[in-house]
Amino acid sequence: MLLLLGLMAAATTQAQATPQRITAGTTICSNSPVPAGWVVTGSYPNNGCAGAGYIYTILDTSNLTKVTVCSISPIPAGWVITGSYTTSTCAGTGYAYTLLKPTTQTTTAVCSFSPIPAGWVVTNSFSTGTCAGSNIAYTIHKV
């Protein structure tokens, strides 16, 4: 009986082990949540993820100021979309976005479907070929 209890305790300890940390760039199943501050940089059909259909390549943005992501990617707080184009790298959507974290800028151009960060305002709108899907961009200014 004591041996059985000891085995159960060991199994429970192993099950509660700390999850493996994901590295700077990794892949996840598309039905897994994307961690906060991470973005989806690629999407590929895959049979290895039960019920998901796609595998995502994800990247940590904590040390970046510019990155290209799939249109299905979450946009981290404070980031803006500066361009949009078709791509084969993003299976299931076919579009990619160029993201910018405006850290030193006081004015920048963003696609009309971009989130506008807190402390920024739209000062102008114009036609553009760099924002596939809307062809409209905004000039935003930090206040």
C-alpha atoms as a PDB file:
ATOM      1  CA  MET A   1       0.000   0.000   0.000  1.00  0.00           C
ATOM      2  CA  LEU A   2       2.785   2.452   0.870  1.00  0.00           C
ATOM      3  CA  LEU A   3       4.507   1.676  -2.441  1.00  0.00           C
ATOM      4  CA  LEU A   4       1.293   2.493  -4.305  1.00  0.00           C
ATOM      5  CA  LEU A   5       0.893   5.811  -2.462  1.00  0.00           C
ATOM      6  CA  GLY A   6       4.510   6.675  -3.224  1.00  0.00           C
ATOM      7  CA  LEU A   7       3.983   6.006  -6.940  1.00  0.00           C
ATOM      8  CA  MET A   8       0.821   8.143  -6.959  1.00  0.00           C
ATOM      9  CA  ALA A   9       2.640  11.037  -5.260  1.00  0.00           C
ATOM     10  CA  ALA A  10       5.494  10.815  -7.802  1.00  0.00           C
ATOM     11  CA  ALA A  11       3.041  10.807 -10.726  1.00  0.00           C
ATOM     12  CA  THR A  12       1.208  13.833  -9.290  1.00  0.00           C
ATOM     13  CA  THR A  13       4.480  15.733  -8.853  1.00  0.00           C
ATOM     14  CA  GLN A  14       5.459  15.035 -12.469  1.00  0.00           C
ATOM     15  CA  ALA A  15       2.039  16.163 -13.751  1.00  0.00           C
ATOM     16  CA  GLN A  16       2.397  19.467 -11.901  1.00  0.00           C
ATOM     17  CA  ALA A  17       5.887  20.196 -13.238  1.00  0.00           C
ATOM     18  CA  THR A  18       6.481  23.666 -14.603  1.00  0.00           C
ATOM     19  CA  PRO A  19       5.420  23.928 -18.258  1.00  0.00           C
ATOM     20  CA  GLN A  20       8.208  24.210 -20.802  1.00  0.00           C
ATOM     21  CA  ARG A  21       8.928  27.843 -21.719  1.00  0.00           C
ATOM     22  CA  ILE A  22       8.591  28.762 -25.361  1.00  0.00           C
ATOM     23  CA  THR A  23      11.649  30.225 -26.999  1.00  0.00           C
ATOM     24  CA  ALA A  24      12.116  33.420 -29.057  1.00  0.00           C
ATOM     25  CA  GLY A  25      10.360  31.866 -32.052  1.00  0.00           C
ATOM     26  CA  THR A  26       8.385  28.645 -31.959  1.00  0.00           C
ATOM     27  CA  THR A  27       5.364  26.875 -33.412  1.00  0.00           C
ATOM     28  CA  ILE A  28       1.968  26.175 -31.863  1.00  0.00           C
ATOM     29  CA  CYS A  29      -1.294  24.598 -32.990  1.00  0.00           C
ATOM     30  CA  SER A  30      -3.790  27.152 -34.313  1.00  0.00           C
ATOM     31  CA  ASN A  31      -6.307  26.194 -31.626  1.00  0.00           C
ATOM     32  CA  SER A  32      -3.826  27.231 -28.892  1.00  0.00           C
ATOM     33  CA  PRO A  33      -3.908  30.791 -27.554  1.00  0.00           C
ATOM     34  CA  VAL A  34      -1.131  33.113 -28.743  1.00  0.00           C
ATOM     35  CA  PRO A  35       0.686  34.444 -25.647  1.00  0.00           C
ATOM     36  CA  ALA A  36       0.362  38.166 -24.886  1.00  0.00           C
ATOM     37  CA  GLY A  37       3.043  40.167 -26.696  1.00  0.00           C
ATOM     38  CA  TRP A  38       3.578  37.430 -29.287  1.00  0.00           C
ATOM     39  CA  VAL A  39       2.527  37.516 -32.963  1.00  0.00           C
ATOM     40  CA  VAL A  40       1.813  34.963 -35.696  1.00  0.00           C
ATOM     41  CA  THR A  41       4.463  35.209 -38.440  1.00  0.00           C
ATOM     42  CA  GLY A  42       3.431  32.144 -40.456  1.00  0.00           C
ATOM     43  CA  SER A  43       0.526  29.730 -40.861  1.00  0.00           C
ATOM     44  CA  TYR A  44       0.783  26.289 -42.465  1.00  0.00           C
ATOM     45  CA  PRO A  45      -1.646  23.385 -42.989  1.00  0.00           C
ATOM     46  CA  ASN A  46      -0.815  20.554 -40.599  1.00  0.00           C
ATOM     47  CA  ASN A  47      -2.355  17.233 -39.624  1.00  0.00           C
ATOM     48  CA  GLY A  48      -0.356  17.027 -36.377  1.00  0.00           C
ATOM     49  CA  CYS A  49      -2.677  19.347 -34.454  1.00  0.00           C
ATOM     50  CA  ALA A  50      -5.908  17.497 -33.768  1.00  0.00           C
ATOM     51  CA  GLY A  51      -8.888  19.701 -34.548  1.00  0.00           C
ATOM     52  CA  ALA A  52      -6.728  22.686 -35.528  1.00  0.00           C
ATOM     53  CA  GLY A  53      -5.815  22.226 -39.175  1.00  0.00           C
ATOM     54  CA  TYR A  54      -2.988  24.781 -39.050  1.00  0.00           C
ATOM     55  CA  ILE A  55       0.266  25.282 -37.246  1.00  0.00           C
ATOM     56  CA  TYR A  56       1.397  28.834 -36.432  1.00  0.00           C
ATOM     57  CA  THR A  57       4.922  30.161 -36.247  1.00  0.00           C
ATOM     58  CA  ILE A  58       4.924  32.732 -33.433  1.00  0.00           C
ATOM     59  CA  LEU A  59       7.447  35.340 -32.335  1.00  0.00           C
ATOM     60  CA  ASP A  60       7.983  37.357 -29.152  1.00  0.00           C
ATOM     61  CA  THR A  61       7.870  41.102 -29.889  1.00  0.00           C
ATOM     62  CA  SER A  62       9.357  42.329 -26.607  1.00  0.00           C
ATOM     63  CA  ASN A  63      12.665  43.345 -28.257  1.00  0.00           C
ATOM     64  CA  LEU A  64      11.285  44.403 -31.646  1.00  0.00           C
ATOM     65  CA  THR A  65      10.001  47.648 -33.147  1.00  0.00           C
ATOM     66  CA  LYS A  66       9.010  46.284 -36.585  1.00  0.00           C
ATOM     67  CA  VAL A  67       7.695  42.863 -37.678  1.00  0.00           C
ATOM     68  CA  THR A  68       5.661  41.225 -40.448  1.00  0.00           C
ATOM     69  CA  VAL A  69       2.710  39.130 -39.240  1.00  0.00           C
ATOM     70  CA  CYS A  70      -0.227  37.170 -40.651  1.00  0.00           C
ATOM     71  CA  SER A  71      -3.517  39.050 -40.649  1.00  0.00           C
ATOM     72  CA  ILE A  72      -4.933  36.533 -38.127  1.00  0.00           C
ATOM     73  CA  SER A  73      -2.274  37.549 -35.605  1.00  0.00           C
ATOM     74  CA  PRO A  74      -3.149  39.469 -32.473  1.00  0.00           C
ATOM     75  CA  ILE A  75      -1.774  43.026 -32.628  1.00  0.00           C
ATOM     76  CA  PRO A  76       0.129  43.820 -29.406  1.00  0.00           C
ATOM     77  CA  ALA A  77      -0.896  46.946 -27.505  1.00  0.00           C
ATOM     78  CA  GLY A  78       0.907  50.042 -28.766  1.00  0.00           C
ATOM     79  CA  TRP A  79       1.615  48.580 -32.229  1.00  0.00           C
ATOM     80  CA  VAL A  80       0.179  49.857 -35.535  1.00  0.00           C
ATOM     81  CA  ILE A  81      -0.363  48.372 -39.005  1.00  0.00           C
ATOM     82  CA  THR A  82       1.646  50.269 -41.629  1.00  0.00           C
ATOM     83  CA  GLY A  83       1.100  47.949 -44.598  1.00  0.00           C
ATOM     84  CA  SER A  84      -0.895  44.980 -45.877  1.00  0.00           C
ATOM     85  CA  TYR A  85      -0.249  42.613 -48.770  1.00  0.00           C
ATOM     86  CA  THR A  86      -1.079  39.139 -50.079  1.00  0.00           C
ATOM     87  CA  THR A  87       1.269  36.289 -49.204  1.00  0.00           C
ATOM     88  CA  SER A  88       1.487  32.503 -49.332  1.00  0.00           C
ATOM     89  CA  THR A  89       3.200  32.449 -45.916  1.00  0.00           C
ATOM     90  CA  CYS A  90      -0.145  32.890 -44.157  1.00  0.00           C
ATOM     91  CA  ALA A  91      -2.268  29.888 -45.160  1.00  0.00           C
ATOM     92  CA  GLY A  92      -5.917  30.329 -44.349  1.00  0.00           C
ATOM     93  CA  THR A  93      -5.847  34.112 -44.658  1.00  0.00           C
ATOM     94  CA  GLY A  94      -3.498  34.995 -47.514  1.00  0.00           C
ATOM     95  CA  TYR A  95      -2.677  38.432 -46.072  1.00  0.00           C
ATOM     96  CA  ALA A  96       0.220  39.761 -44.041  1.00  0.00           C
ATOM     97  CA  TYR A  97       0.609  43.024 -42.135  1.00  0.00           C
ATOM     98  CA  THR A  98       3.690  45.095 -41.499  1.00  0.00           C
ATOM     99  CA  LEU A  99       3.586  46.212 -37.862  1.00  0.00           C
ATOM    100  CA  LEU A 100       5.451  49.083 -36.244  1.00  0.00           C
ATOM    101  CA  LYS A 101       5.850  50.004 -32.602  1.00  0.00           C
ATOM    102  CA  PRO A 102       6.176  53.788 -32.826  1.00  0.00           C
ATOM    103  CA  THR A 103       8.660  54.422 -30.032  1.00  0.00           C
ATOM    104  CA  THR A 104      10.562  57.429 -31.365  1.00  0.00           C
ATOM    105  CA  GLN A 105       8.075  58.763 -33.929  1.00  0.00           C
ATOM    106  CA  THR A 106       5.662  61.616 -33.277  1.00  0.00           C
ATOM    107  CA  THR A 107       3.844  61.180 -36.616  1.00  0.00           C
ATOM    108  CA  THR A 108       3.372  58.064 -38.742  1.00  0.00           C
ATOM    109  CA  ALA A 109       1.094  56.652 -41.452  1.00  0.00           C
ATOM    110  CA  VAL A 110      -1.079  53.627 -40.644  1.00  0.00           C
ATOM    111  CA  CYS A 111      -3.660  51.570 -42.516  1.00  0.00           C
ATOM    112  CA  SER A 112      -7.267  52.560 -41.817  1.00  0.00           C
ATOM    113  CA  PHE A 113      -7.903  49.184 -40.127  1.00  0.00           C
ATOM    114  CA  SER A 114      -4.970  49.637 -37.732  1.00  0.00           C
ATOM    115  CA  PRO A 115      -5.541  50.032 -34.022  1.00  0.00           C
ATOM    116  CA  ILE A 116      -4.748  53.588 -32.906  1.00  0.00           C
ATOM    117  CA  PRO A 117      -2.589  53.500 -29.750  1.00  0.00           C
ATOM    118  CA  ALA A 118      -3.570  55.425 -26.645  1.00  0.00           C
ATOM    119  CA  GLY A 119      -2.171  58.949 -26.796  1.00  0.00           C
ATOM    120  CA  TRP A 120      -2.339  59.139 -30.620  1.00  0.00           C
ATOM    121  CA  VAL A 121      -4.915  60.903 -32.820  1.00  0.00           C
ATOM    122  CA  VAL A 122      -5.802  60.744 -36.519  1.00  0.00           C
ATOM    123  CA  THR A 123      -4.894  64.008 -38.294  1.00  0.00           C
ATOM    124  CA  ASN A 124      -5.417  63.060 -41.965  1.00  0.00           C
ATOM    125  CA  SER A 125      -6.637  60.302 -44.280  1.00  0.00           C
ATOM    126  CA  PHE A 126      -5.482  59.503 -47.807  1.00  0.00           C
ATOM    127  CA  SER A 127      -5.552  56.870 -50.561  1.00  0.00           C
ATOM    128  CA  THR A 128      -2.653  54.438 -50.685  1.00  0.00           C
ATOM    129  CA  GLY A 129      -1.586  51.243 -52.391  1.00  0.00           C
ATOM    130  CA  THR A 130       0.232  49.956 -49.302  1.00  0.00           C
ATOM    131  CA  CYS A 131      -2.897  48.895 -47.407  1.00  0.00           C
ATOM    132  CA  ALA A 132      -4.433  46.024 -49.400  1.00  0.00           C
ATOM    133  CA  GLY A 133      -8.055  45.569 -48.455  1.00  0.00           C
ATOM    134  CA  SER A 134      -8.933  49.204 -47.839  1.00  0.00           C
ATOM    135  CA  ASN A 135      -6.442  51.343 -49.816  1.00  0.00           C
ATOM    136  CA  ILE A 136      -6.977  54.046 -47.179  1.00  0.00           C
ATOM    137  CA  ALA A 137      -4.367  55.183 -44.678  1.00  0.00           C
ATOM    138  CA  TYR A 138      -4.360  57.628 -41.787  1.00  0.00           C
ATOM    139  CA  THR A 139      -1.692  59.982 -40.572  1.00  0.00           C
ATOM    140  CA  ILE A 140      -1.566  59.708 -36.803  1.00  0.00           C
ATOM    141  CA  HIS A 141       0.134  62.102 -34.395  1.00  0.00           C
ATOM    142  CA  LYS A 142       1.268  61.578 -30.820  1.00  0.00           C
ATOM    143  CA  VAL A 143      -0.348  64.037 -28.413  1.00  0.00           C
END
